[in-house]
Protein backbone atom coordinates (compact mmCIF):
# COMPACT_ATOMS: atom_id res chain seq x y z
CA MET A 1 69.52 63.08 74.98
CA ILE A 2 69.63 66.33 73.00
CA PRO A 3 73.04 67.28 71.49
CA MET A 4 74.96 69.83 73.52
CA GLN A 5 74.37 73.47 72.64
CA THR A 6 77.14 75.29 74.42
CA HIS A 7 78.66 78.74 74.52
CA SER A 8 82.25 79.90 74.19
CA GLY A 9 84.75 77.68 76.02
CA ALA A 10 82.22 75.82 78.10
CA ILE A 11 82.19 72.78 75.85
CA SER A 12 85.51 71.47 77.21
CA LEU A 13 84.39 72.03 80.80
CA LEU A 14 81.18 70.15 80.05
CA ALA A 15 83.10 67.28 78.50
CA GLN A 16 85.13 66.94 81.69
CA VAL A 17 81.98 66.60 83.79
CA GLN A 18 80.38 64.15 81.34
CA ALA A 19 77.56 66.64 80.77
CA SER A 20 74.68 65.93 78.43
CA ARG A 21 71.66 68.06 77.61
CA VAL A 22 68.36 66.43 78.53
CA SER A 23 66.14 69.33 77.50
CA PRO A 24 66.42 73.15 77.42
CA GLY A 25 67.78 74.17 80.82
CA ARG A 26 68.12 70.60 82.09
CA TRP A 27 71.45 68.76 82.10
CA ALA A 28 72.91 65.56 83.46
CA ALA A 29 76.50 65.63 84.73
CA ARG A 30 79.04 63.88 86.94
CA ILE A 31 82.11 65.48 88.56
CA PRO A 32 85.17 63.21 88.19
CA ARG A 33 87.57 62.73 91.10
CA ASP A 34 90.31 64.74 89.41
CA TRP A 35 88.05 67.79 89.84
CA TRP A 36 87.63 67.31 93.58
CA ALA A 37 88.85 69.55 96.40
CA TRP A 38 89.24 68.01 99.83
CA ALA A 39 86.18 65.80 100.40
CA GLY A 40 84.00 66.73 97.43
CA PRO A 41 83.72 68.25 93.97
CA HIS A 42 85.29 71.65 93.35
CA GLY A 43 82.71 74.28 94.28
CA GLY A 44 83.57 76.58 91.41
CA LEU A 45 83.01 73.79 88.91
CA LEU A 46 79.66 72.89 90.50
CA ALA A 47 78.68 76.56 90.20
CA ALA A 48 79.82 76.58 86.57
CA VAL A 49 77.70 73.51 85.77
CA GLY A 50 74.66 75.34 87.14
CA LEU A 51 75.56 78.51 85.26
CA ASN A 52 75.82 76.56 82.02
CA ALA A 53 72.24 75.35 82.48
CA THR A 54 71.21 78.94 83.17
CA LEU A 55 72.80 80.20 79.95
CA ASP A 56 71.23 77.30 78.10
CA VAL A 57 67.69 78.07 79.24
CA VAL A 58 67.98 81.77 78.36
CA SER A 59 69.46 80.92 74.98
CA GLU A 60 66.03 79.56 74.13
CA GLN A 61 64.70 83.10 74.71
CA ALA A 62 67.54 85.54 73.99
CA SER A 63 71.11 84.42 73.36
CA ALA A 64 72.39 87.97 73.78
CA LEU A 65 71.53 88.23 77.50
CA VAL A 66 74.56 89.20 79.59
CA PRO A 67 75.25 87.45 82.94
CA ARG A 68 75.79 90.13 85.60
CA ALA A 69 75.72 88.21 88.90
CA VAL A 70 75.33 84.66 90.17
CA SER A 71 74.74 83.78 93.82
CA VAL A 72 75.36 80.14 94.74
CA ARG A 73 74.43 78.19 97.89
CA PHE A 74 76.06 74.88 98.76
CA HIS A 75 73.49 72.89 100.71
CA GLY A 76 75.52 69.86 101.71
CA ARG A 77 78.12 67.33 100.73
CA CYS A 78 78.12 66.26 97.09
CA GLY A 79 79.55 62.92 95.97
CA ASP A 80 80.72 61.58 92.64
CA GLY A 81 77.33 60.23 91.58
CA PRO A 82 75.20 61.62 88.75
CA LEU A 83 73.88 65.18 88.98
CA ASP A 84 70.52 66.45 87.77
CA VAL A 85 70.83 70.14 86.86
CA ARG A 86 67.69 72.19 86.21
CA ALA A 87 67.35 75.90 85.41
CA LYS A 88 64.14 77.91 85.19
CA ALA A 89 63.56 81.55 84.30
CA GLU A 90 61.76 83.05 87.31
CA ARG A 91 61.34 86.58 85.98
CA VAL A 92 61.64 87.94 82.47
CA SER A 93 61.39 91.63 81.57
CA ALA A 94 62.59 93.86 78.78
CA SER A 95 65.74 94.78 80.71
CA SER A 96 66.60 91.75 82.87
CA THR A 97 66.00 88.06 83.46
CA ILE A 98 66.36 86.13 86.72
CA VAL A 99 67.04 82.40 86.54
CA ALA A 100 66.93 79.93 89.44
CA THR A 101 68.96 76.72 89.17
CA GLU A 102 69.12 73.57 91.27
CA VAL A 103 71.70 70.80 91.20
CA ARG A 104 70.33 67.57 92.66
CA GLN A 105 72.02 64.32 93.59
CA ASP A 106 70.04 61.27 94.72
CA GLY A 107 66.95 63.48 94.74
CA GLU A 108 68.41 66.02 97.17
CA VAL A 109 69.40 69.61 96.34
CA VAL A 110 73.16 69.96 96.83
CA VAL A 111 73.65 73.32 95.08
CA SER A 112 71.23 76.13 94.21
CA SER A 113 71.83 79.44 92.50
CA VAL A 114 70.15 82.60 91.28
CA THR A 115 71.56 84.39 88.25
CA THR A 116 70.73 87.90 87.05
CA LEU A 117 71.14 88.58 83.34
CA THR A 118 70.53 91.81 81.46
CA ALA A 119 69.63 92.80 77.93
CA PRO A 120 72.48 94.48 76.03
CA ARG A 121 71.66 98.17 75.81
CA PRO A 122 73.84 101.24 75.27
CA GLY A 123 74.73 103.03 78.51
CA LEU A 124 77.50 104.39 80.70
CA SER A 125 80.60 102.16 80.79
CA LEU A 126 83.60 103.03 82.97
CA GLN A 127 85.90 101.48 85.57
CA ASN A 128 86.63 103.43 88.76
CA THR A 129 89.37 101.22 90.16
CA GLN A 130 92.88 100.42 88.98
CA GLY A 131 94.31 96.97 88.51
CA PRO A 132 97.12 95.68 90.74
CA VAL A 133 100.74 95.91 89.65
CA ALA A 134 102.22 92.50 88.89
CA ALA A 135 104.97 90.95 86.80
CA PRO A 136 103.67 89.27 83.64
CA PRO A 137 102.84 85.57 83.94
CA GLU A 138 105.76 84.63 81.70
CA ASP A 139 108.13 85.98 84.39
CA CYS A 140 106.45 84.19 87.32
CA GLU A 141 107.25 80.75 88.70
CA VAL A 142 104.73 77.91 88.63
CA PHE A 143 103.04 76.96 91.92
CA GLN A 144 101.44 73.52 92.22
CA LEU A 145 98.64 72.80 94.66
CA PRO A 146 99.13 69.44 96.46
CA ALA A 147 97.19 66.93 94.39
CA ASP A 148 96.64 64.63 97.37
CA LEU A 149 94.64 67.37 99.12
CA VAL A 150 93.10 69.16 96.14
CA PRO A 151 93.13 66.99 92.99
CA PHE A 152 91.59 69.81 90.92
CA GLY A 153 94.93 71.61 91.30
CA ARG A 154 96.08 69.60 88.29
CA GLN A 155 93.45 71.40 86.21
CA VAL A 156 94.69 74.95 86.86
CA GLU A 157 97.99 76.69 86.16
CA ILE A 158 98.95 79.00 89.02
CA ARG A 159 101.82 81.51 88.91
CA PRO A 160 102.09 83.64 92.09
CA ALA A 161 102.68 87.32 91.37
CA GLY A 162 102.70 88.91 94.83
CA GLY A 163 101.05 88.71 98.20
CA ALA A 164 101.73 85.69 100.40
CA LEU A 165 101.84 81.97 99.74
CA PRO A 166 99.55 79.44 101.43
CA LEU A 167 100.61 77.86 104.73
CA THR A 168 103.53 80.22 105.34
CA GLY A 169 102.29 81.73 108.61
CA SER A 170 102.29 85.18 107.02
CA ASP A 171 100.82 88.29 108.61
CA LEU A 172 99.23 89.01 105.22
CA ALA A 173 96.00 87.20 104.31
CA GLU A 174 96.18 88.00 100.60
CA MET A 175 97.38 86.09 97.54
CA ARG A 176 97.99 87.23 93.97
CA ALA A 177 98.49 84.83 91.11
CA TRP A 178 98.07 84.49 87.37
CA LEU A 179 95.60 81.75 86.53
CA ARG A 180 94.39 79.79 83.56
CA LEU A 181 92.95 76.34 83.02
CA ARG A 182 95.47 73.82 81.72
CA THR A 183 93.22 73.36 78.71
CA ALA A 184 93.75 77.11 78.08
CA LEU A 185 90.03 77.75 77.64
CA PRO A 186 89.03 81.38 77.08
CA VAL A 187 87.61 82.99 80.20
CA ASP A 188 83.87 83.15 79.64
CA PRO A 189 81.38 83.35 82.55
CA THR A 190 81.61 79.64 83.38
CA VAL A 191 85.41 79.60 83.38
CA ALA A 192 85.48 82.83 85.40
CA VAL A 193 83.39 81.17 88.12
CA VAL A 194 85.85 78.27 88.25
CA LEU A 195 88.88 80.57 88.45
CA ALA A 196 87.24 82.73 91.13
CA ASP A 197 87.38 79.63 93.33
CA ALA A 198 90.77 78.32 92.19
CA LEU A 199 93.14 79.72 94.82
CA ALA A 200 93.47 78.38 98.34
CA PRO A 201 91.11 79.89 100.94
CA GLY A 202 92.08 83.44 101.85
CA ILE A 203 93.02 82.47 105.42
CA PHE A 204 95.62 79.95 104.22
CA PRO A 205 98.59 82.38 104.14
CA ARG A 206 98.05 82.94 107.88
CA LEU A 207 98.11 79.19 108.62
CA ILE A 208 101.06 76.81 108.93
CA ALA A 209 99.09 73.58 108.40
CA PRO A 210 96.21 72.79 106.04
CA ALA A 211 92.62 72.88 107.26
CA ALA A 212 89.25 72.23 105.70
CA VAL A 213 87.50 75.49 104.78
CA PRO A 214 84.39 74.54 102.77
CA THR A 215 82.38 77.21 100.97
CA VAL A 216 78.77 77.72 102.05
CA GLU A 217 77.92 80.67 99.78
CA LEU A 218 79.61 82.14 96.69
CA THR A 219 78.55 85.23 94.78
CA VAL A 220 80.25 86.38 91.58
CA HIS A 221 79.66 89.72 89.84
CA PHE A 222 80.80 90.03 86.23
CA HIS A 223 82.21 93.29 84.85
CA GLY A 224 81.57 93.40 81.14
CA ASN A 225 80.22 90.81 78.74
CA LEU A 226 82.40 87.72 79.09
CA ARG A 227 79.76 85.75 77.24
CA SER A 228 80.26 87.51 73.91
CA ALA A 229 83.86 88.61 74.53
CA PRO A 230 85.72 85.94 76.53
CA VAL A 231 89.33 86.67 77.50
CA ASP A 232 91.75 84.33 75.75
CA ASP A 233 94.68 84.90 78.10
CA TRP A 234 95.90 84.53 81.67
CA VAL A 235 93.91 86.37 84.33
CA LEU A 236 95.32 87.84 87.53
CA ALA A 237 93.51 86.72 90.68
CA VAL A 238 93.71 88.70 93.91
CA GLN A 239 92.21 86.87 96.86
CA ARG A 240 92.07 88.07 100.44
CA ASN A 241 90.49 86.99 103.70
CA VAL A 242 88.55 89.94 105.07
CA SER A 243 87.64 88.44 108.44
CA CYS A 244 86.92 85.29 110.42
CA ASP A 245 84.32 85.27 113.18
CA ASP A 246 83.62 82.15 115.25
CA GLY A 247 85.16 80.09 112.46
CA TRP A 248 83.12 81.72 109.68
CA CYS A 249 85.35 83.42 107.12
CA VAL A 250 84.62 85.98 104.41
CA ASP A 251 86.91 85.99 101.37
CA GLU A 252 87.01 88.44 98.47
CA THR A 253 88.43 87.66 95.03
CA GLU A 254 89.07 89.79 91.96
CA LEU A 255 89.90 88.61 88.44
CA TRP A 256 91.82 91.06 86.26
CA SER A 257 92.88 90.97 82.63
CA ARG A 258 96.50 91.49 81.67
CA GLY A 259 95.57 94.99 80.52
CA GLY A 260 94.09 96.01 83.87
CA LYS A 261 90.39 95.45 83.19
CA LEU A 262 88.36 94.13 86.11
CA LEU A 263 86.62 91.00 84.82
CA ALA A 264 84.85 89.64 87.88
CA GLN A 265 84.58 89.99 91.66
CA ALA A 266 83.59 87.23 94.05
CA ARG A 267 82.80 86.94 97.73
CA GLN A 268 82.64 83.67 99.63
CA LEU A 269 81.34 82.67 103.03
CA ARG A 270 83.46 79.80 104.31
CA ARG A 271 83.52 77.67 107.43
CA LEU A 272 86.92 77.01 108.99
CA LEU A 273 86.76 73.54 110.51
CA GLY A 274 88.81 72.37 113.47
CA ALA A 275 91.49 74.28 115.35
CA PRO A 276 93.54 76.29 112.83
CA ALA A 277 97.33 76.24 113.18
CA LEU A 278 98.55 79.84 113.16
CA ALA A 279 102.16 81.00 113.36
CA ALA A 280 103.33 81.65 116.92
C-alpha cells in the first residue's frame, strides 16, 4: 500500500473508513457499522470516499483544481465488506477536468460518480441569493437522531434552527439546522458532501412514523473553493422536500456559512418505500 496523501480534513474521514491508498486514484476502504443509515452505509460518506479518490487522481496532475460539481448514482445495496474505489480522469483541458469514479464491492459497482473540476482563473465572483436568518448554533438546542435507526447520527452534531422537526406531522416539509461532524473537521468538499446528506429526508417533517427513503441519485454543486479554503465552523443546512410523485421524492439542500455565504447546494432523488404515515 502507498501512504495516504490526503487533503484538508479528509484524513480523519478516511481513517474512519479504514481507507488505504493502493495507487494514484485507487483506494481500498470499509464503512463501519457506526456510519450506517437504515440498512446500509451512509450515502454521503460513500460519495465522499469516491470524491477523495477523485481529488487524489487529479492531485497527480494539478493539485489546484477546484471541485465544482459531483453527481453520484447509488446502484444497489452496499454491505460492510471491503470497497474497491477507482477514479479516472475522462477529460482534461486547460479549463476543466472530468473524473469518473466507481466504488465496487464483491466485484459489483455499488456507487458511481462524475466530478467536474476547474482550473483556478480570475473571473466574476458574486452571490445573488441571501442566506436564511437563524439563531447562532450556540443558542440552539441539540437534536439527536435515533441511533437504532441511523447509527451515523452519532457522528454528526445537529442543532435545529428553524423549519420543522422530523416525524411531527407538520404541514412544512423543510428543516433548518446547524451541522458539524463530532470530530469538528473543517468543511472541505468531502465533508460538505457528508453534511449535505446528514439531515433526515425532506419528507420526514410531514410524516408521523419513520419510513425508509433511500437515495438513488445525489448531485452536489460547490460554491467557492472549499478545497483550498475549508470552513472551520458550523454550517447551516436548509433541506426541503420539493415533491413526491408515485413514491419518488426530490429533496433540495443548501449549506451556508455562519456569515451567509452559500457553500454548497445538493439535490437528491429518493424512493419512499412502503405506505407513509401522514398526519390526519
